[in-house]
PDB file of N, CA and C in Angstrom:
ATOM      1  N   UNK A   1       0.846  -1.180   0.000  1.00  0.00           N
ATOM      2  CA  UNK A   1       0.000   0.000   0.000  1.00  0.00           C
ATOM      3  C   UNK A   1       0.890   1.240   0.000  1.00  0.00           C
ATOM      4  N   UNK A   2       0.509   2.217  -0.782  1.00  0.00           N
ATOM      5  CA  UNK A   2       1.238   3.482  -0.857  1.00  0.00           C
ATOM      6  C   UNK A   2       0.531   4.526  -0.015  1.00  0.00           C
ATOM      7  N   UNK A   3       1.316   5.328   0.630  1.00  0.00           N
ATOM      8  CA  UNK A   3       0.782   6.411   1.437  1.00  0.00           C
ATOM      9  C   UNK A   3       1.061   7.727   0.740  1.00  0.00           C
ATOM     10  N   UNK A   4       0.122   8.607   0.774  1.00  0.00           N
ATOM     11  CA  UNK A   4       0.313   9.947   0.247  1.00  0.00           C
ATOM     12  C   UNK A   4       0.242  10.897   1.434  1.00  0.00           C
ATOM     13  N   UNK A   5       1.312  11.611   1.635  1.00  0.00           N
ATOM     14  CA  UNK A   5       1.446  12.530   2.750  1.00  0.00           C
ATOM     15  C   UNK A   5       0.920  13.883   2.319  1.00  0.00           C
ATOM     16  N   UNK A   6      -0.006  14.428   3.077  1.00  0.00           N
ATOM     17  CA  UNK A   6      -0.626  15.703   2.751  1.00  0.00           C
ATOM     18  C   UNK A   6      -0.176  16.757   3.750  1.00  0.00           C
ATOM     19  N   UNK A   7       0.167  17.899   3.243  1.00  0.00           N
ATOM     20  CA  UNK A   7       0.499  19.010   4.130  1.00  0.00           C
ATOM     21  C   UNK A   7      -0.184  20.259   3.586  1.00  0.00           C
ATOM     22  N   UNK A   8      -0.949  20.916   4.440  1.00  0.00           N
ATOM     23  CA  UNK A   8      -1.645  22.118   4.025  1.00  0.00           C
ATOM     24  C   UNK A   8      -0.647  23.261   3.962  1.00  0.00           C
ATOM     25  N   UNK A   9      -0.432  23.776   2.762  1.00  0.00           N
ATOM     26  CA  UNK A   9       0.550  24.840   2.559  1.00  0.00           C
ATOM     27  C   UNK A   9       0.027  26.162   3.104  1.00  0.00           C
ATOM     28  N   UNK A  10      -1.133  26.577   2.680  1.00  0.00           N
ATOM     29  CA  UNK A  10      -1.733  27.795   3.213  1.00  0.00           C
ATOM     30  C   UNK A  10      -3.183  27.889   2.749  1.00  0.00           C
ATOM     31  N   UNK A  11      -3.924  28.694   3.443  1.00  0.00           N
ATOM     32  CA  UNK A  11      -5.315  28.974   3.080  1.00  0.00           C
ATOM     33  C   UNK A  11      -5.378  30.352   2.446  1.00  0.00           C
ATOM     34  N   UNK A  12      -6.265  30.531   1.520  1.00  0.00           N
ATOM     35  CA  UNK A  12      -6.466  31.846   0.936  1.00  0.00           C
ATOM     36  C   UNK A  12      -7.917  31.996   0.515  1.00  0.00           C
ATOM     37  N   UNK A  13      -8.334  33.217   0.361  1.00  0.00           N
ATOM     38  CA  UNK A  13      -9.712  33.510  -0.014  1.00  0.00           C
ATOM     39  C   UNK A  13      -9.795  33.864  -1.491  1.00  0.00           C
ATOM     40  N   UNK A  14     -10.775  33.301  -2.156  1.00  0.00           N
ATOM     41  CA  UNK A  14     -11.035  33.606  -3.552  1.00  0.00           C
ATOM     42  C   UNK A  14     -12.525  33.809  -3.700  1.00  0.00           C
ATOM     43  N   UNK A  15     -12.915  34.989  -4.102  1.00  0.00           N
ATOM     44  CA  UNK A  15     -14.340  35.289  -4.258  1.00  0.00           C
ATOM     45  C   UNK A  15     -15.135  34.898  -3.010  1.00  0.00           C
ATOM     46  N   UNK A  16     -14.583  35.218  -1.840  1.00  0.00           N
ATOM     47  CA  UNK A  16     -15.219  34.953  -0.555  1.00  0.00           C
ATOM     48  C   UNK A  16     -15.384  33.473  -0.244  1.00  0.00           C
ATOM     49  N   UNK A  17     -14.639  32.631  -0.930  1.00  0.00           N
ATOM     50  CA  UNK A  17     -14.641  31.195  -0.638  1.00  0.00           C
ATOM     51  C   UNK A  17     -13.258  30.816  -0.151  1.00  0.00           C
ATOM     52  N   UNK A  18     -13.184  29.969   0.829  1.00  0.00           N
ATOM     53  CA  UNK A  18     -11.900  29.534   1.356  1.00  0.00           C
ATOM     54  C   UNK A  18     -11.365  28.375   0.523  1.00  0.00           C
ATOM     55  N   UNK A  19     -10.103  28.492   0.146  1.00  0.00           N
ATOM     56  CA  UNK A  19      -9.420  27.423  -0.567  1.00  0.00           C
ATOM     57  C   UNK A  19      -8.145  27.088   0.200  1.00  0.00           C
ATOM     58  N   UNK A  20      -7.678  25.876   0.031  1.00  0.00           N
ATOM     59  CA  UNK A  20      -6.420  25.464   0.647  1.00  0.00           C
ATOM     60  C   UNK A  20      -5.560  24.802  -0.410  1.00  0.00           C
ATOM     61  N   UNK A  21      -4.269  25.056  -0.340  1.00  0.00           N
ATOM     62  CA  UNK A  21      -3.308  24.405  -1.217  1.00  0.00           C
ATOM     63  C   UNK A  21      -2.714  23.243  -0.429  1.00  0.00           C
ATOM     64  N   UNK A  22      -2.844  22.040  -0.951  1.00  0.00           N
ATOM     65  CA  UNK A  22      -2.380  20.847  -0.253  1.00  0.00           C
ATOM     66  C   UNK A  22      -1.208  20.255  -1.020  1.00  0.00           C
ATOM     67  N   UNK A  23      -0.084  20.081  -0.333  1.00  0.00           N
ATOM     68  CA  UNK A  23       1.109  19.484  -0.918  1.00  0.00           C
ATOM     69  C   UNK A  23       1.029  17.973  -0.735  1.00  0.00           C
ATOM     70  N   UNK A  24       1.164  17.220  -1.812  1.00  0.00           N
ATOM     71  CA  UNK A  24       1.060  15.761  -1.766  1.00  0.00           C
ATOM     72  C   UNK A  24       2.370  15.134  -2.219  1.00  0.00           C
ATOM     73  N   UNK A  25       2.838  14.167  -1.470  1.00  0.00           N
ATOM     74  CA  UNK A  25       4.059  13.442  -1.826  1.00  0.00           C
ATOM     75  C   UNK A  25       3.827  11.965  -1.513  1.00  0.00           C
ATOM     76  N   UNK A  26       4.383  11.110  -2.325  1.00  0.00           N
ATOM     77  CA  UNK A  26       4.167   9.678  -2.220  1.00  0.00           C
ATOM     78  C   UNK A  26       5.338   9.020  -1.486  1.00  0.00           C
ATOM     79  N   UNK A  27       5.030   8.016  -0.673  1.00  0.00           N
ATOM     80  CA  UNK A  27       6.083   7.301   0.036  1.00  0.00           C
ATOM     81  C   UNK A  27       5.514   6.240   0.955  1.00  0.00           C
ATOM     82  N   UNK A  28       6.361   5.759   1.858  1.00  0.00           N
ATOM     83  CA  UNK A  28       5.990   4.706   2.795  1.00  0.00           C
ATOM     84  C   UNK A  28       6.375   5.104   4.209  1.00  0.00           C
ATOM     85  N   UNK A  29       5.557   4.725   5.177  1.00  0.00           N
ATOM     86  CA  UNK A  29       5.887   4.914   6.586  1.00  0.00           C
ATOM     87  C   UNK A  29       6.665   3.698   7.069  1.00  0.00           C
ATOM     88  N   UNK A  30       7.682   3.920   7.877  1.00  0.00           N
ATOM     89  CA  UNK A  30       8.422   2.820   8.501  1.00  0.00           C
ATOM     90  C   UNK A  30       8.776   3.230   9.922  1.00  0.00           C
ATOM     91  N   UNK A  31       8.964   2.218  10.770  1.00  0.00           N
ATOM     92  CA  UNK A  31       9.357   2.520  12.143  1.00  0.00           C
ATOM     93  C   UNK A  31      10.806   2.107  12.352  1.00  0.00           C
ATOM     94  N   UNK A  32      11.493   2.884  13.145  1.00  0.00           N
ATOM     95  CA  UNK A  32      12.879   2.604  13.465  1.00  0.00           C
ATOM     96  C   UNK A  32      12.952   1.786  14.748  1.00  0.00           C
ATOM     97  N   UNK A  33      14.148   1.361  15.082  1.00  0.00           N
ATOM     98  CA  UNK A  33      14.345   0.597  16.309  1.00  0.00           C
ATOM     99  C   UNK A  33      13.914   1.378  17.541  1.00  0.00           C
ATOM    100  N   UNK A  34      14.007   2.698  17.468  1.00  0.00           N
ATOM    101  CA  UNK A  34      13.642   3.539  18.611  1.00  0.00           C
ATOM    102  C   UNK A  34      12.138   3.788  18.686  1.00  0.00           C
ATOM    103  N   UNK A  35      11.370   3.069  17.878  1.00  0.00           N
ATOM    104  CA  UNK A  35       9.914   3.170  17.827  1.00  0.00           C
ATOM    105  C   UNK A  35       9.424   4.527  17.321  1.00  0.00           C
ATOM    106  N   UNK A  36      10.257   5.219  16.580  1.00  0.00           N
ATOM    107  CA  UNK A  36       9.845   6.464  15.940  1.00  0.00           C
ATOM    108  C   UNK A  36       9.450   6.155  14.499  1.00  0.00           C
ATOM    109  N   UNK A  37       8.412   6.831  14.051  1.00  0.00           N
ATOM    110  CA  UNK A  37       7.953   6.641  12.682  1.00  0.00           C
ATOM    111  C   UNK A  37       8.640   7.641  11.762  1.00  0.00           C
ATOM    112  N   UNK A  38       8.962   7.176  10.566  1.00  0.00           N
ATOM    113  CA  UNK A  38       9.634   8.014   9.576  1.00  0.00           C
ATOM    114  C   UNK A  38       8.930   7.835   8.234  1.00  0.00           C
ATOM    115  N   UNK A  39       8.701   8.941   7.544  1.00  0.00           N
ATOM    116  CA  UNK A  39       8.088   8.881   6.225  1.00  0.00           C
ATOM    117  C   UNK A  39       9.195   8.903   5.181  1.00  0.00           C
ATOM    118  N   UNK A  40       9.292   7.835   4.381  1.00  0.00           N
ATOM    119  CA  UNK A  40      10.313   7.715   3.348  1.00  0.00           C
ATOM    120  C   UNK A  40       9.710   8.096   2.002  1.00  0.00           C
ATOM    121  N   UNK A  41      10.147   9.219   1.483  1.00  0.00           N
ATOM    122  CA  UNK A  41       9.620   9.742   0.222  1.00  0.00           C
ATOM    123  C   UNK A  41      10.072   8.862  -0.931  1.00  0.00           C
ATOM    124  N   UNK A  42       9.143   8.559  -1.834  1.00  0.00           N
ATOM    125  CA  UNK A  42       9.469   7.831  -3.054  1.00  0.00           C
ATOM    126  C   UNK A  42      10.064   8.825  -4.037  1.00  0.00           C
ATOM    127  N   UNK A  43      11.365   8.762  -4.225  1.00  0.00           N
ATOM    128  CA  UNK A  43      12.071   9.725  -5.071  1.00  0.00           C
ATOM    129  C   UNK A  43      11.842   9.484  -6.557  1.00  0.00           C
ATOM    130  N   UNK A  44      11.174   8.390  -6.902  1.00  0.00           N
ATOM    131  CA  UNK A  44      10.874   8.093  -8.305  1.00  0.00           C
ATOM    132  C   UNK A  44       9.525   8.657  -8.745  1.00  0.00           C
ATOM    133  N   UNK A  45       8.816   9.270  -7.811  1.00  0.00           N
ATOM    134  CA  UNK A  45       7.511   9.860  -8.136  1.00  0.00           C
ATOM    135  C   UNK A  45       7.543  11.355  -7.852  1.00  0.00           C
ATOM    136  N   UNK A  46       6.798  12.078  -8.628  1.00  0.00           N
ATOM    137  CA  UNK A  46       6.713  13.524  -8.440  1.00  0.00           C
ATOM    138  C   UNK A  46       5.771  13.863  -7.294  1.00  0.00           C
ATOM    139  N   UNK A  47       5.961  15.021  -6.739  1.00  0.00           N
ATOM    140  CA  UNK A  47       5.020  15.576  -5.764  1.00  0.00           C
ATOM    141  C   UNK A  47       3.998  16.409  -6.534  1.00  0.00           C
ATOM    142  N   UNK A  48       2.908  16.774  -5.870  1.00  0.00           N
ATOM    143  CA  UNK A  48       1.911  17.607  -6.540  1.00  0.00           C
ATOM    144  C   UNK A  48       1.208  18.493  -5.527  1.00  0.00           C
ATOM    145  N   UNK A  49       0.599  19.552  -6.037  1.00  0.00           N
ATOM    146  CA  UNK A  49      -0.247  20.427  -5.241  1.00  0.00           C
ATOM    147  C   UNK A  49      -1.683  20.229  -5.689  1.00  0.00           C
ATOM    148  N   UNK A  50      -2.568  20.165  -4.737  1.00  0.00           N
ATOM    149  CA  UNK A  50      -3.998  20.076  -5.020  1.00  0.00           C
ATOM    150  C   UNK A  50      -4.661  21.263  -4.334  1.00  0.00           C
ATOM    151  N   UNK A  51      -5.490  21.962  -5.065  1.00  0.00           N
ATOM    152  CA  UNK A  51      -6.237  23.080  -4.501  1.00  0.00           C
ATOM    153  C   UNK A  51      -7.631  22.595  -4.155  1.00  0.00           C
ATOM    154  N   UNK A  52      -8.003  22.760  -2.903  1.00  0.00           N
ATOM    155  CA  UNK A  52      -9.318  22.294  -2.483  1.00  0.00           C
ATOM    156  C   UNK A  52     -10.124  23.454  -1.918  1.00  0.00           C
ATOM    157  N   UNK A  53     -11.430  23.368  -2.104  1.00  0.00           N
ATOM    158  CA  UNK A  53     -12.344  24.366  -1.572  1.00  0.00           C
ATOM    159  C   UNK A  53     -13.057  23.778  -0.365  1.00  0.00           C
ATOM    160  N   UNK A  54     -13.778  24.622   0.339  1.00  0.00           N
ATOM    161  CA  UNK A  54     -14.412  24.202   1.587  1.00  0.00           C
ATOM    162  C   UNK A  54     -15.445  23.102   1.406  1.00  0.00           C
ATOM    163  N   UNK A  55     -16.033  22.973   0.214  1.00  0.00           N
ATOM    164  CA  UNK A  55     -17.034  21.936  -0.016  1.00  0.00           C
ATOM    165  C   UNK A  55     -16.451  20.699  -0.702  1.00  0.00           C
ATOM    166  N   UNK A  56     -15.140  20.602  -0.761  1.00  0.00           N
ATOM    167  CA  UNK A  56     -14.431  19.484  -1.377  1.00  0.00           C
ATOM    168  C   UNK A  56     -14.691  18.210  -0.567  1.00  0.00           C
ATOM    169  N   UNK A  57     -15.023  17.133  -1.231  1.00  0.00           N
ATOM    170  CA  UNK A  57     -15.345  15.864  -0.568  1.00  0.00           C
ATOM    171  C   UNK A  57     -14.140  14.918  -0.570  1.00  0.00           C
ATOM    172  N   UNK A  58     -14.114  14.009   0.399  1.00  0.00           N
ATOM    173  CA  UNK A  58     -13.053  13.008   0.510  1.00  0.00           C
ATOM    174  C   UNK A  58     -12.915  12.205  -0.788  1.00  0.00           C
ATOM    175  N   UNK A  59     -14.031  11.816  -1.380  1.00  0.00           N
ATOM    176  CA  UNK A  59     -14.014  11.039  -2.617  1.00  0.00           C
ATOM    177  C   UNK A  59     -13.335  11.816  -3.743  1.00  0.00           C
ATOM    178  N   UNK A  60     -13.555  13.134  -3.793  1.00  0.00           N
ATOM    179  CA  UNK A  60     -12.906  13.976  -4.800  1.00  0.00           C
ATOM    180  C   UNK A  60     -11.394  13.996  -4.595  1.00  0.00           C
ATOM    181  N   UNK A  61     -10.977  14.091  -3.342  1.00  0.00           N
ATOM    182  CA  UNK A  61      -9.552  14.094  -3.026  1.00  0.00           C
ATOM    183  C   UNK A  61      -8.905  12.777  -3.446  1.00  0.00           C
ATOM    184  N   UNK A  62      -9.552  11.664  -3.145  1.00  0.00           N
ATOM    185  CA  UNK A  62      -9.008  10.355  -3.519  1.00  0.00           C
ATOM    186  C   UNK A  62      -8.885  10.214  -5.030  1.00  0.00           C
ATOM    187  N   UNK A  63      -9.849  10.717  -5.767  1.00  0.00           N
ATOM    188  CA  UNK A  63      -9.782  10.662  -7.233  1.00  0.00           C
ATOM    189  C   UNK A  63      -8.620  11.478  -7.763  1.00  0.00           C
ATOM    190  N   UNK A  64      -8.418  12.669  -7.210  1.00  0.00           N
ATOM    191  CA  UNK A  64      -7.326  13.524  -7.667  1.00  0.00           C
ATOM    192  C   UNK A  64      -5.964  12.912  -7.340  1.00  0.00           C
ATOM    193  N   UNK A  65      -5.820  12.392  -6.136  1.00  0.00           N
ATOM    194  CA  UNK A  65      -4.557  11.761  -5.742  1.00  0.00           C
ATOM    195  C   UNK A  65      -4.300  10.530  -6.606  1.00  0.00           C
ATOM    196  N   UNK A  66      -5.322   9.738  -6.843  1.00  0.00           N
ATOM    197  CA  UNK A  66      -5.201   8.548  -7.692  1.00  0.00           C
ATOM    198  C   UNK A  66      -4.728   8.927  -9.097  1.00  0.00           C
ATOM    199  N   UNK A  67      -5.298   9.969  -9.627  1.00  0.00           N
ATOM    200  CA  UNK A  67      -4.929  10.431 -10.970  1.00  0.00           C
ATOM    201  C   UNK A  67      -3.507  10.995 -10.985  1.00  0.00           C
ATOM    202  N   UNK A  68      -3.163  11.803  -9.997  1.00  0.00           N
ATOM    203  CA  UNK A  68      -1.833  12.440  -9.970  1.00  0.00           C
ATOM    204  C   UNK A  68      -0.696  11.434  -9.827  1.00  0.00           C
ATOM    205  N   UNK A  69      -0.923  10.355  -9.074  1.00  0.00           N
ATOM    206  CA  UNK A  69       0.145   9.396  -8.805  1.00  0.00           C
ATOM    207  C   UNK A  69      -0.030   8.072  -9.550  1.00  0.00           C
ATOM    208  N   UNK A  70      -1.063   7.962 -10.364  1.00  0.00           N
ATOM    209  CA  UNK A  70      -1.330   6.758 -11.157  1.00  0.00           C
ATOM    210  C   UNK A  70      -1.473   5.511 -10.284  1.00  0.00           C
ATOM    211  N   UNK A  71      -2.235   5.640  -9.201  1.00  0.00           N
ATOM    212  CA  UNK A  71      -2.563   4.518  -8.334  1.00  0.00           C
ATOM    213  C   UNK A  71      -4.065   4.288  -8.389  1.00  0.00           C
ATOM    214  N   UNK A  72      -4.470   3.072  -8.101  1.00  0.00           N
ATOM    215  CA  UNK A  72      -5.884   2.812  -7.891  1.00  0.00           C
ATOM    216  C   UNK A  72      -6.245   3.358  -6.515  1.00  0.00           C
ATOM    217  N   UNK A  73      -7.465   3.830  -6.377  1.00  0.00           N
ATOM    218  CA  UNK A  73      -7.888   4.427  -5.106  1.00  0.00           C
ATOM    219  C   UNK A  73      -7.741   3.453  -3.931  1.00  0.00           C
ATOM    220  N   UNK A  74      -7.985   2.163  -4.180  1.00  0.00           N
ATOM    221  CA  UNK A  74      -7.886   1.191  -3.080  1.00  0.00           C
ATOM    222  C   UNK A  74      -6.438   0.911  -2.660  1.00  0.00           C
ATOM    223  N   UNK A  75      -5.451   1.409  -3.422  1.00  0.00           N
ATOM    224  CA  UNK A  75      -4.038   1.235  -3.077  1.00  0.00           C
ATOM    225  C   UNK A  75      -3.491   2.412  -2.261  1.00  0.00           C
ATOM    226  N   UNK A  76      -4.332   3.413  -2.013  1.00  0.00           N
ATOM    227  CA  UNK A  76      -3.872   4.642  -1.394  1.00  0.00           C
ATOM    228  C   UNK A  76      -4.372   4.752   0.046  1.00  0.00           C
ATOM    229  N   UNK A  77      -3.489   5.230   0.887  1.00  0.00           N
ATOM    230  CA  UNK A  77      -3.867   5.599   2.254  1.00  0.00           C
ATOM    231  C   UNK A  77      -3.346   7.008   2.465  1.00  0.00           C
ATOM    232  N   UNK A  78      -4.162   7.893   3.004  1.00  0.00           N
ATOM    233  CA  UNK A  78      -3.774   9.277   3.194  1.00  0.00           C
ATOM    234  C   UNK A  78      -3.344   9.532   4.639  1.00  0.00           C
ATOM    235  N   UNK A  79      -2.340  10.357   4.792  1.00  0.00           N
ATOM    236  CA  UNK A  79      -1.953  10.829   6.125  1.00  0.00           C
ATOM    237  C   UNK A  79      -1.620  12.300   5.984  1.00  0.00           C
ATOM    238  N   UNK A  80      -1.655  13.019   7.074  1.00  0.00           N
ATOM    239  CA  UNK A  80      -1.409  14.461   6.986  1.00  0.00           C
ATOM    240  C   UNK A  80      -0.646  14.950   8.200  1.00  0.00           C
ATOM    241  N   UNK A  81      -0.127  16.143   8.036  1.00  0.00           N
ATOM    242  CA  UNK A  81       0.610  16.786   9.131  1.00  0.00           C
ATOM    243  C   UNK A  81       0.401  18.270   9.065  1.00  0.00           C
TER     244      UNK A  81
END
């Protein structure tokens, strides 16, 4: 399973609607001997930005991430920070 790490870059207003720019990068989570989790970026895949509005649905996000990284939706797990 591939994980896509999401980080909200910033919020901005457009025509009185709130939008957020979300930075997406593909990789895998692993734990070290010290029981700390580390996100290992897949350097063979590009990162992407997704712009979302306040009425954006989870299903829409999964479709966009699936398209951007060429994964099937069932192969993706999202995490954020």
